[in-house]
Amino acid sequence: MVRGIAIGAAALLVLGCASDHREPHPDLARVWHDYLTLPAERALAIAGDPRRDRWVTGSSGGDSSRDEAEERALAECKRRRAQRRLQDACQIYAIGDEIVWAGPE
């Protein structure tokens, strides 16, 4: 039984479903630091790949709901994406203190 639990926990870690907080991508360290200073009900969106030099983010904080924070972060990301003429779509990177992004498409 213990072995089954260990295998299940390992699978959750691989899938990114574990409750432990994930670390931000190293190239996003500054963005992540600034994002964490935003008030509650915050979200962070990203377009592109932080491993390349072609990416943008959008963030929002102090919103009335999680959905509003996500919408505003995506809107800011889309505006910046258009300015840089990136093809990659904006995706939610983090909600609150939790990184939910699976990686670039």
N, C-alpha and C. Protein backbone atom coordinates (compact mmCIF):
# COMPACT_ATOMS: atom_id res chain seq x y z
N MET A 1 0.82 -1.20 0.00
CA MET A 1 0.00 0.00 0.00
C MET A 1 0.86 1.26 0.00
N VAL A 2 1.94 1.29 0.78
CA VAL A 2 2.81 2.45 0.82
C VAL A 2 3.42 2.71 -0.54
N ARG A 3 3.81 1.64 -1.23
CA ARG A 3 4.38 1.80 -2.57
C ARG A 3 3.37 2.44 -3.51
N GLY A 4 2.12 2.03 -3.42
CA GLY A 4 1.06 2.61 -4.26
C GLY A 4 0.87 4.09 -3.99
N ILE A 5 0.96 4.50 -2.73
CA ILE A 5 0.83 5.90 -2.38
C ILE A 5 2.02 6.68 -2.93
N ALA A 6 3.22 6.12 -2.82
CA ALA A 6 4.41 6.80 -3.34
C ALA A 6 4.32 6.98 -4.84
N ILE A 7 3.86 5.96 -5.54
CA ILE A 7 3.72 6.06 -7.00
C ILE A 7 2.68 7.10 -7.34
N GLY A 8 1.57 7.13 -6.61
CA GLY A 8 0.52 8.12 -6.85
C GLY A 8 1.02 9.53 -6.62
N ALA A 9 1.79 9.73 -5.55
CA ALA A 9 2.34 11.06 -5.26
C ALA A 9 3.32 11.49 -6.34
N ALA A 10 4.14 10.56 -6.82
CA ALA A 10 5.08 10.88 -7.90
C ALA A 10 4.33 11.28 -9.16
N ALA A 11 3.25 10.58 -9.46
CA ALA A 11 2.46 10.91 -10.65
C ALA A 11 1.86 12.31 -10.52
N LEU A 12 1.39 12.67 -9.33
CA LEU A 12 0.84 14.01 -9.14
C LEU A 12 1.90 15.08 -9.34
N LEU A 13 3.11 14.83 -8.86
CA LEU A 13 4.19 15.80 -9.05
C LEU A 13 4.51 15.98 -10.53
N VAL A 14 4.57 14.89 -11.26
CA VAL A 14 4.87 14.96 -12.69
C VAL A 14 3.78 15.73 -13.42
N LEU A 15 2.55 15.52 -13.04
CA LEU A 15 1.43 16.18 -13.71
C LEU A 15 1.23 17.61 -13.22
N GLY A 16 1.93 18.00 -12.15
CA GLY A 16 1.78 19.35 -11.64
C GLY A 16 0.53 19.53 -10.81
N CYS A 17 -0.01 18.46 -10.28
CA CYS A 17 -1.25 18.54 -9.52
C CYS A 17 -1.00 18.52 -8.02
N ALA A 18 0.23 18.42 -7.58
CA ALA A 18 0.51 18.37 -6.15
C ALA A 18 0.24 19.73 -5.53
N SER A 19 -0.01 19.76 -4.24
CA SER A 19 -0.36 21.01 -3.59
C SER A 19 0.85 21.89 -3.31
N ASP A 20 2.06 21.36 -3.42
CA ASP A 20 3.25 22.17 -3.20
C ASP A 20 3.33 23.27 -4.26
N HIS A 21 3.80 24.45 -3.83
CA HIS A 21 3.94 25.56 -4.78
C HIS A 21 5.10 25.27 -5.72
N ARG A 22 4.87 25.48 -7.00
CA ARG A 22 5.93 25.32 -7.99
C ARG A 22 6.74 26.60 -8.02
N GLU A 23 7.98 26.47 -8.40
CA GLU A 23 8.86 27.63 -8.55
C GLU A 23 8.63 28.24 -9.93
N PRO A 24 8.71 29.57 -10.04
CA PRO A 24 8.56 30.18 -11.36
C PRO A 24 9.75 29.84 -12.25
N HIS A 25 9.52 29.91 -13.53
CA HIS A 25 10.59 29.72 -14.50
C HIS A 25 11.68 30.74 -14.17
N PRO A 26 12.97 30.36 -14.20
CA PRO A 26 14.06 31.29 -13.83
C PRO A 26 14.04 32.61 -14.58
N ASP A 27 13.64 32.62 -15.84
CA ASP A 27 13.61 33.86 -16.60
C ASP A 27 12.45 34.76 -16.18
N LEU A 28 11.53 34.23 -15.39
CA LEU A 28 10.39 35.02 -14.91
C LEU A 28 10.55 35.45 -13.46
N ALA A 29 11.73 35.28 -12.88
CA ALA A 29 11.92 35.57 -11.46
C ALA A 29 11.54 37.01 -11.10
N ARG A 30 11.96 37.97 -11.89
CA ARG A 30 11.65 39.38 -11.60
C ARG A 30 10.15 39.64 -11.74
N VAL A 31 9.55 39.13 -12.81
CA VAL A 31 8.12 39.28 -13.02
C VAL A 31 7.35 38.65 -11.86
N TRP A 32 7.78 37.45 -11.45
CA TRP A 32 7.11 36.74 -10.34
C TRP A 32 7.22 37.55 -9.05
N HIS A 33 8.39 38.10 -8.77
CA HIS A 33 8.58 38.89 -7.56
C HIS A 33 7.62 40.08 -7.56
N ASP A 34 7.55 40.81 -8.66
CA ASP A 34 6.65 41.96 -8.76
C ASP A 34 5.18 41.52 -8.65
N TYR A 35 4.85 40.41 -9.27
CA TYR A 35 3.48 39.89 -9.24
C TYR A 35 3.04 39.59 -7.81
N LEU A 36 3.92 39.01 -7.01
CA LEU A 36 3.57 38.64 -5.64
C LEU A 36 3.29 39.85 -4.75
N THR A 37 3.70 41.04 -5.17
CA THR A 37 3.41 42.24 -4.39
C THR A 37 2.02 42.79 -4.66
N LEU A 38 1.34 42.28 -5.69
CA LEU A 38 -0.01 42.74 -6.01
C LEU A 38 -0.99 42.26 -4.94
N PRO A 39 -2.07 43.02 -4.71
CA PRO A 39 -3.05 42.60 -3.72
C PRO A 39 -3.81 41.34 -4.16
N ALA A 40 -4.47 40.74 -3.19
CA ALA A 40 -5.22 39.49 -3.42
C ALA A 40 -6.22 39.62 -4.57
N GLU A 41 -6.66 38.48 -5.01
CA GLU A 41 -7.42 38.29 -6.26
C GLU A 41 -6.57 38.82 -7.40
N ARG A 42 -5.47 38.06 -7.63
CA ARG A 42 -4.53 38.45 -8.68
C ARG A 42 -4.33 37.28 -9.64
N ALA A 43 -3.88 37.64 -10.85
CA ALA A 43 -3.59 36.64 -11.87
C ALA A 43 -2.45 37.16 -12.74
N LEU A 44 -1.72 36.21 -13.33
CA LEU A 44 -0.60 36.52 -14.21
C LEU A 44 -0.77 35.69 -15.48
N ALA A 45 -0.67 36.35 -16.63
CA ALA A 45 -0.80 35.67 -17.92
C ALA A 45 0.52 35.80 -18.68
N ILE A 46 0.77 34.87 -19.59
CA ILE A 46 2.00 34.88 -20.38
C ILE A 46 1.69 34.46 -21.82
N ALA A 47 2.46 35.03 -22.74
CA ALA A 47 2.43 34.62 -24.14
C ALA A 47 3.88 34.42 -24.56
N GLY A 48 4.15 33.33 -25.23
CA GLY A 48 5.51 33.04 -25.67
C GLY A 48 6.19 32.04 -24.76
N ASP A 49 7.51 32.00 -24.87
CA ASP A 49 8.31 31.02 -24.15
C ASP A 49 9.42 31.75 -23.42
N PRO A 50 9.45 31.68 -22.07
CA PRO A 50 10.49 32.40 -21.35
C PRO A 50 11.91 31.89 -21.62
N ARG A 51 12.03 30.72 -22.26
CA ARG A 51 13.36 30.23 -22.62
C ARG A 51 13.91 30.97 -23.83
N ARG A 52 13.04 31.65 -24.53
CA ARG A 52 13.45 32.49 -25.65
C ARG A 52 13.27 33.94 -25.23
N ASP A 53 13.72 34.85 -26.02
CA ASP A 53 13.59 36.26 -25.67
C ASP A 53 12.31 36.87 -26.23
N ARG A 54 11.37 36.05 -26.63
CA ARG A 54 10.12 36.54 -27.21
C ARG A 54 8.95 36.10 -26.36
N TRP A 55 8.69 36.86 -25.31
CA TRP A 55 7.56 36.59 -24.44
C TRP A 55 7.11 37.88 -23.77
N VAL A 56 5.86 37.90 -23.38
CA VAL A 56 5.29 39.04 -22.64
C VAL A 56 4.39 38.48 -21.55
N THR A 57 4.13 39.31 -20.58
CA THR A 57 3.20 38.94 -19.51
C THR A 57 2.20 40.06 -19.31
N GLY A 58 1.14 39.73 -18.62
CA GLY A 58 0.16 40.70 -18.18
C GLY A 58 -0.30 40.27 -16.80
N SER A 59 -0.50 41.22 -15.91
CA SER A 59 -0.92 40.86 -14.57
C SER A 59 -2.03 41.78 -14.09
N SER A 60 -2.71 41.31 -13.08
CA SER A 60 -3.78 42.08 -12.48
C SER A 60 -3.86 41.72 -11.01
N GLY A 61 -4.16 42.69 -10.17
CA GLY A 61 -4.30 42.44 -8.74
C GLY A 61 -5.30 43.39 -8.13
N GLY A 62 -5.89 42.97 -7.01
CA GLY A 62 -6.87 43.80 -6.33
C GLY A 62 -8.24 43.77 -6.97
N ASP A 63 -8.48 42.75 -7.76
CA ASP A 63 -9.76 42.64 -8.45
C ASP A 63 -10.84 42.10 -7.51
N SER A 64 -12.10 42.23 -7.92
CA SER A 64 -13.20 41.81 -7.06
C SER A 64 -13.41 40.30 -7.07
N SER A 65 -12.86 39.61 -8.08
CA SER A 65 -13.00 38.16 -8.14
C SER A 65 -11.83 37.56 -8.91
N ARG A 66 -11.68 36.27 -8.76
CA ARG A 66 -10.64 35.53 -9.49
C ARG A 66 -10.86 35.64 -10.99
N ASP A 67 -12.10 35.51 -11.42
CA ASP A 67 -12.41 35.60 -12.85
C ASP A 67 -12.05 36.96 -13.42
N GLU A 68 -12.35 38.02 -12.66
CA GLU A 68 -12.01 39.37 -13.12
C GLU A 68 -10.50 39.55 -13.21
N ALA A 69 -9.77 39.01 -12.23
CA ALA A 69 -8.30 39.09 -12.26
C ALA A 69 -7.76 38.38 -13.50
N GLU A 70 -8.29 37.21 -13.81
CA GLU A 70 -7.84 36.47 -14.99
C GLU A 70 -8.13 37.24 -16.26
N GLU A 71 -9.34 37.79 -16.38
CA GLU A 71 -9.73 38.55 -17.57
C GLU A 71 -8.82 39.76 -17.78
N ARG A 72 -8.54 40.49 -16.71
CA ARG A 72 -7.70 41.68 -16.82
C ARG A 72 -6.25 41.32 -17.13
N ALA A 73 -5.74 40.24 -16.53
CA ALA A 73 -4.36 39.80 -16.83
C ALA A 73 -4.25 39.38 -18.29
N LEU A 74 -5.24 38.65 -18.79
CA LEU A 74 -5.23 38.23 -20.19
C LEU A 74 -5.33 39.43 -21.12
N ALA A 75 -6.14 40.42 -20.76
CA ALA A 75 -6.29 41.62 -21.60
C ALA A 75 -4.96 42.38 -21.69
N GLU A 76 -4.27 42.52 -20.55
CA GLU A 76 -2.98 43.21 -20.56
C GLU A 76 -1.95 42.42 -21.37
N CYS A 77 -1.95 41.11 -21.20
CA CYS A 77 -1.04 40.26 -21.96
C CYS A 77 -1.31 40.40 -23.47
N LYS A 78 -2.57 40.37 -23.85
CA LYS A 78 -2.93 40.49 -25.27
C LYS A 78 -2.49 41.83 -25.86
N ARG A 79 -2.62 42.90 -25.06
CA ARG A 79 -2.19 44.22 -25.52
C ARG A 79 -0.68 44.22 -25.77
N ARG A 80 0.08 43.67 -24.82
CA ARG A 80 1.53 43.62 -24.97
C ARG A 80 1.94 42.67 -26.09
N ARG A 81 1.20 41.58 -26.24
CA ARG A 81 1.47 40.61 -27.31
C ARG A 81 1.32 41.28 -28.67
N ALA A 82 0.29 42.09 -28.83
CA ALA A 82 0.08 42.79 -30.10
C ALA A 82 1.20 43.79 -30.36
N GLN A 83 1.67 44.49 -29.33
CA GLN A 83 2.76 45.45 -29.49
C GLN A 83 4.03 44.77 -29.97
N ARG A 84 4.30 43.57 -29.46
CA ARG A 84 5.53 42.84 -29.84
C ARG A 84 5.31 41.94 -31.06
N ARG A 85 4.08 41.89 -31.53
CA ARG A 85 3.71 41.07 -32.70
C ARG A 85 4.05 39.60 -32.49
N LEU A 86 3.70 39.08 -31.32
CA LEU A 86 3.91 37.66 -31.02
C LEU A 86 2.73 36.85 -31.54
N GLN A 87 3.01 35.67 -32.02
CA GLN A 87 1.97 34.77 -32.50
C GLN A 87 1.37 33.93 -31.39
N ASP A 88 2.16 33.65 -30.33
CA ASP A 88 1.70 32.78 -29.26
C ASP A 88 0.52 33.41 -28.51
N ALA A 89 -0.46 32.58 -28.18
CA ALA A 89 -1.63 33.05 -27.44
C ALA A 89 -1.28 33.29 -25.98
N CYS A 90 -2.01 34.19 -25.35
CA CYS A 90 -1.85 34.43 -23.92
C CYS A 90 -2.55 33.31 -23.15
N GLN A 91 -1.88 32.88 -22.10
CA GLN A 91 -2.41 31.84 -21.22
C GLN A 91 -2.21 32.27 -19.78
N ILE A 92 -3.06 31.80 -18.89
CA ILE A 92 -2.88 32.10 -17.47
C ILE A 92 -1.65 31.36 -16.96
N TYR A 93 -0.75 32.08 -16.34
CA TYR A 93 0.47 31.52 -15.76
C TYR A 93 0.26 31.19 -14.28
N ALA A 94 -0.38 32.12 -13.56
CA ALA A 94 -0.60 31.91 -12.13
C ALA A 94 -1.92 32.56 -11.72
N ILE A 95 -2.50 31.95 -10.70
CA ILE A 95 -3.70 32.50 -10.06
C ILE A 95 -3.38 32.54 -8.57
N GLY A 96 -3.50 33.71 -7.97
CA GLY A 96 -3.07 33.84 -6.58
C GLY A 96 -1.59 33.51 -6.49
N ASP A 97 -1.22 32.62 -5.57
CA ASP A 97 0.18 32.22 -5.41
C ASP A 97 0.51 30.92 -6.12
N GLU A 98 -0.43 30.38 -6.88
CA GLU A 98 -0.25 29.08 -7.51
C GLU A 98 0.07 29.21 -9.01
N ILE A 99 1.17 28.59 -9.43
CA ILE A 99 1.51 28.55 -10.85
C ILE A 99 0.72 27.41 -11.48
N VAL A 100 -0.07 27.75 -12.49
CA VAL A 100 -0.93 26.77 -13.15
C VAL A 100 -0.52 26.49 -14.58
N TRP A 101 0.43 27.26 -15.10
CA TRP A 101 0.87 27.15 -16.50
C TRP A 101 1.59 25.83 -16.73
N ALA A 102 1.25 25.15 -17.78
CA ALA A 102 1.86 23.86 -18.11
C ALA A 102 3.11 24.02 -18.97
N GLY A 103 3.35 25.19 -19.49
CA GLY A 103 4.49 25.42 -20.36
C GLY A 103 4.04 25.93 -21.71
N PRO A 104 4.98 26.32 -22.57
CA PRO A 104 4.62 26.84 -23.88
C PRO A 104 3.95 25.78 -24.72
N GLU A 105 3.07 26.22 -25.60
CA GLU A 105 2.36 25.29 -26.49
C GLU A 105 3.27 24.78 -27.56
